[in-house]
C-alpha atoms as a PDB file:
ATOM      1  CA  UNK A   1     -39.858  67.256  48.289  1.00  0.00           C
ATOM      2  CA  UNK A   2     -37.215  69.993  48.448  1.00  0.00           C
ATOM      3  CA  UNK A   3     -33.966  69.678  46.266  1.00  0.00           C
ATOM      4  CA  UNK A   4     -32.203  72.255  48.569  1.00  0.00           C
ATOM      5  CA  UNK A   5     -30.429  69.616  50.743  1.00  0.00           C
ATOM      6  CA  UNK A   6     -29.175  67.310  47.416  1.00  0.00           C
ATOM      7  CA  UNK A   7     -25.779  67.433  48.747  1.00  0.00           C
ATOM      8  CA  UNK A   8     -26.580  65.238  52.188  1.00  0.00           C
ATOM      9  CA  UNK A   9     -29.399  63.506  50.822  1.00  0.00           C
ATOM     10  CA  UNK A  10     -29.316  59.321  50.043  1.00  0.00           C
ATOM     11  CA  UNK A  11     -27.855  59.211  46.489  1.00  0.00           C
ATOM     12  CA  UNK A  12     -30.392  56.171  45.603  1.00  0.00           C
ATOM     13  CA  UNK A  13     -33.397  58.456  46.922  1.00  0.00           C
ATOM     14  CA  UNK A  14     -31.632  61.978  45.333  1.00  0.00           C
ATOM     15  CA  UNK A  15     -31.434  59.865  41.852  1.00  0.00           C
ATOM     16  CA  UNK A  16     -35.202  58.646  42.014  1.00  0.00           C
ATOM     17  CA  UNK A  17     -36.359  62.317  43.115  1.00  0.00           C
ATOM     18  CA  UNK A  18     -34.581  64.009  40.220  1.00  0.00           C
ATOM     19  CA  UNK A  19     -35.422  61.246  38.017  1.00  0.00           C
ATOM     20  CA  UNK A  20     -39.058  61.728  38.719  1.00  0.00           C
ATOM     21  CA  UNK A  21     -38.962  65.543  38.590  1.00  0.00           C
ATOM     22  CA  UNK A  22     -36.688  65.229  35.133  1.00  0.00           C
ATOM     23  CA  UNK A  23     -39.667  62.968  33.858  1.00  0.00           C
ATOM     24  CA  UNK A  24     -42.581  64.728  35.212  1.00  0.00           C
ATOM     25  CA  UNK A  25     -41.405  68.588  35.493  1.00  0.00           C
ATOM     26  CA  UNK A  26     -38.421  69.671  34.092  1.00  0.00           C
ATOM     27  CA  UNK A  27     -37.492  69.035  30.059  1.00  0.00           C
ATOM     28  CA  UNK A  28     -33.838  69.411  31.177  1.00  0.00           C
ATOM     29  CA  UNK A  29     -31.581  69.000  33.770  1.00  0.00           C
ATOM     30  CA  UNK A  30     -30.710  72.916  33.516  1.00  0.00           C
ATOM     31  CA  UNK A  31     -34.361  73.823  33.800  1.00  0.00           C
ATOM     32  CA  UNK A  32     -34.421  71.660  36.872  1.00  0.00           C
ATOM     33  CA  UNK A  33     -31.440  73.314  38.539  1.00  0.00           C
ATOM     34  CA  UNK A  34     -33.127  76.883  37.712  1.00  0.00           C
ATOM     35  CA  UNK A  35     -36.565  75.646  38.823  1.00  0.00           C
ATOM     36  CA  UNK A  36     -35.301  74.082  42.223  1.00  0.00           C
ATOM     37  CA  UNK A  37     -32.634  77.157  42.488  1.00  0.00           C
ATOM     38  CA  UNK A  38     -29.831  74.376  42.904  1.00  0.00           C
ATOM     39  CA  UNK A  39     -26.290  73.905  41.250  1.00  0.00           C
ATOM     40  CA  UNK A  40     -26.546  71.963  38.119  1.00  0.00           C
ATOM     41  CA  UNK A  41     -22.955  70.791  38.341  1.00  0.00           C
ATOM     42  CA  UNK A  42     -23.049  69.808  42.250  1.00  0.00           C
ATOM     43  CA  UNK A  43     -25.646  68.174  41.482  1.00  0.00           C
ATOM     44  CA  UNK A  44     -24.299  66.299  39.272  1.00  0.00           C
ATOM     45  CA  UNK A  45     -21.157  65.926  40.798  1.00  0.00           C
ATOM     46  CA  UNK A  46     -23.249  64.227  44.092  1.00  0.00           C
ATOM     47  CA  UNK A  47     -24.616  61.782  41.826  1.00  0.00           C
ATOM     48  CA  UNK A  48     -21.552  60.746  39.889  1.00  0.00           C
ATOM     49  CA  UNK A  49     -20.086  60.278  43.510  1.00  0.00           C
ATOM     50  CA  UNK A  50     -22.554  57.496  43.659  1.00  0.00           C
ATOM     51  CA  UNK A  51     -21.912  56.123  40.457  1.00  0.00           C
ATOM     52  CA  UNK A  52     -24.827  57.891  38.211  1.00  0.00           C
ATOM     53  CA  UNK A  53     -24.527  59.912  35.341  1.00  0.00           C
ATOM     54  CA  UNK A  54     -27.130  62.251  33.589  1.00  0.00           C
ATOM     55  CA  UNK A  55     -27.828  61.016  29.963  1.00  0.00           C
ATOM     56  CA  UNK A  56     -29.344  64.157  28.110  1.00  0.00           C
ATOM     57  CA  UNK A  57     -30.696  62.132  25.194  1.00  0.00           C
ATOM     58  CA  UNK A  58     -32.902  60.236  27.904  1.00  0.00           C
ATOM     59  CA  UNK A  59     -33.035  63.298  30.445  1.00  0.00           C
ATOM     60  CA  UNK A  60     -32.417  60.836  33.131  1.00  0.00           C
ATOM     61  CA  UNK A  61     -29.725  59.758  35.730  1.00  0.00           C
ATOM     62  CA  UNK A  62     -28.750  56.233  34.888  1.00  0.00           C
ATOM     63  CA  UNK A  63     -26.005  54.174  36.896  1.00  0.00           C
ATOM     64  CA  UNK A  64     -22.677  53.876  34.714  1.00  0.00           C
END
């Protein structure tokens, strides 16, 4: 699934897709942003609006 529409996706679905891609395809959030040609800060802001924050130690977004 493409992440180009991350700004309008359902936040729970977005978090699930991003975490799957981080687990299976990309060792860091920076790699994910580069691979899918999306804004790393924009993705983080979108998920933060829904209460999810990136944890580099586990390479995933978690609810805070």
